[in-house]
Every structure is written in C-alpha cells, then in structure tokens.
Amino acid sequence: MTASAPTTHLATEVASQPANWLAARETAERFTASLPQAGEKVAVVGCGTSLYMAQAYAALREEQGHGITDAWTPTEARIGRGYDRLLAITRSGTTTEVVDLLTQVAGRIPATVISSSPGTPALEVAEPILMPEVDEKSVVQTRFATTTLALLRWHLGEDLSRAAEHAQRIIEAGESAFGPALSADQFTFVGRGWTNGVAQEAALKLRESAQLWTESYPMMEYRHGPLSISAPGRVVWAFGDLVPGFAEDVAVTGADLMHADIDPLADLVRVHLLCLARARRAGLDPDAPRNLTRSIILSPADAPPA
C-alpha cells in the first residue's frame, strides 16, 4: 500500500490537489474583482493553516510588487493601518475570531472571504468566494489550503501548471519520495520569503497528523539556535532555494537535508503524503488528530474582546 492509497478522507483529499490547483485558475478569473487589486494595501487573516497560507500569499504579493500586504491572525490584526481591503481565509466559515473581525470591519473596509463551507456566518459578513469542491471531511486541512494559495497565485499572474505536474509525480511515487523522512524522529522545516509560510504549514501538518516533533524557521535563522537540535536520524527540510553554505551546515550535524528543485507547493504535498505514512505507522487516525476539531467556535465568555 502506498501513502497515497485513498483509505482515509485525508488520502483522498491529498490526491485531488493537482486537479484542484488547475481548476482554481477559472475560480481566480471569475472572482478577480473580489480579490486584491494591484496597488491596494491589504490585510490577510486566518487561523492555523489559513494563517500560514495568508503569510505565504502576503510575501508573494509584496515580492511581485502588487502592494503592501500584511498577514495576521485575527486577534492580533492591527486593522487601523489604512488597509484598502481585508481578505479572510476560513475553511469552515465559522471560526469565531475570523467572523468577529469581519463583523467589526463591515461597512468600513471592503472585505472578501474565501471558504469551502456554504451557508456559514463568514459568508454573510464579507464578499464570498466559495469553493465547496475543495471542502474536506478530514480535520487536517490540505486541499482547501493549497487550492486557496493556488487561486491567489493564479490571480497574481502565476501559472500553476508545473506545480500541479510536480505534485502529481510525487503522489504517484508514494513512499519512495520520502527517503530518510519515513523514519526520522525530528523535523526542522525552513523557508525563504513566501516559503516561510509553507515551512510553518509543513511543521503543523506533521504535528497534527502524526504527533511528531517539528519546528520551522526562516532559513537564515537556522544557524542562530535551531542548528543545535539537528543530529543523525533527524531531518532538515528546506523549501525554496538554499542559501549559500546551508547544505554544508546541515551536513556537519549529521542530519539529513531534504530539498527538491520543484515548486514548494508541490513539495508540501510530499509532506501531506508523509503525514499519512507516519500516522499509519504510529497507529493514528490522520483524519482525527488528538484534541482537534474542524472549527474553533468560542463561547461568548471565551471570545476575543471587540
């Protein structure tokens, strides 16, 4: 059995991603007026996985010269900075912090929300971009998050065709794509620019699904402390181009460096498949991570202050 065998909801959802990304092109074109326009100052918000997709998009948008873009978790968002638009990402459409923030800015800041769940509160307080075709039964987010980022990359003018091809090859390769990661006892993920968000998401995925020890850092920060936990039997996984001397620094520790010359979003699919394999080896259900639910809905007493 390969890691991509559709024996769980998560496996099925992971395997659909290449096709989802290609289909996101049409979605981006259809909703182009609802998405951030060139020159706008934009705040992008989300929680958990959605926050990391927001971080990746914000960095990409700025790197490509489309305008100032800040990524926030809703409870820390400094909305009074003169933003032209608020973009929210929420799979469930029910996350309390996201819904509360959208409600607070209604009528003051144009707001758009990307979700996969129809008939939910977030869609009622912002302009909706609904993608029910990438909704998920697994608690662990994969295809909604990556398709959202794919949609936003299409909107920035990127072509995701190669990324989808890379991801499909990884899915077809199954466990042969994992190498030392299949048995490693610790993972340090690193990124550069927009792939810092991807590294954060990769670390979260393995924590959620397989209860593994994972950390994530900007690549240049690896030397400033994280290097100390690298050792034989552990993995350093890099997204994006390596900085000079990085491979040599990892080699000294005895850890295995994993780095693929492919689109980082496709390499994240390799992490998704690894989640399935490692969860299975640990006797865990990757669809139902310990202590987690599909959405965080807070009681009024626990909700953030307005």
Foldseek 3Di string as FASTA:
>chain_A
DFLLPPPDLLSVLLLCQLVLLQVLLVLLVVCVVLDDAAAFAEEEEEPDLSLLLQQLLQLVCVVLRRYHYHGDHLLPDPPPPPGQEYEYEDAALFFQSLLVSLQVCQPPHQYEYEYAHPPHSNVVSHPYSHNVVSRTLFLQDDRSSLSVSSSSCSSVVDDCNQLSVLLNVLSVCGPVVQPLVLQAQEEEEEEAGSCQSVSSNLQVLLCFQQVGHYYYDHQVCCVVPVLVPQAASYEYEYADDHDPPSVVSNVVRNHHYHYDPGHSSSVSSNSSSSSSSNNVVVVHRRRDGPPDDNHDHDDPVPRRDD
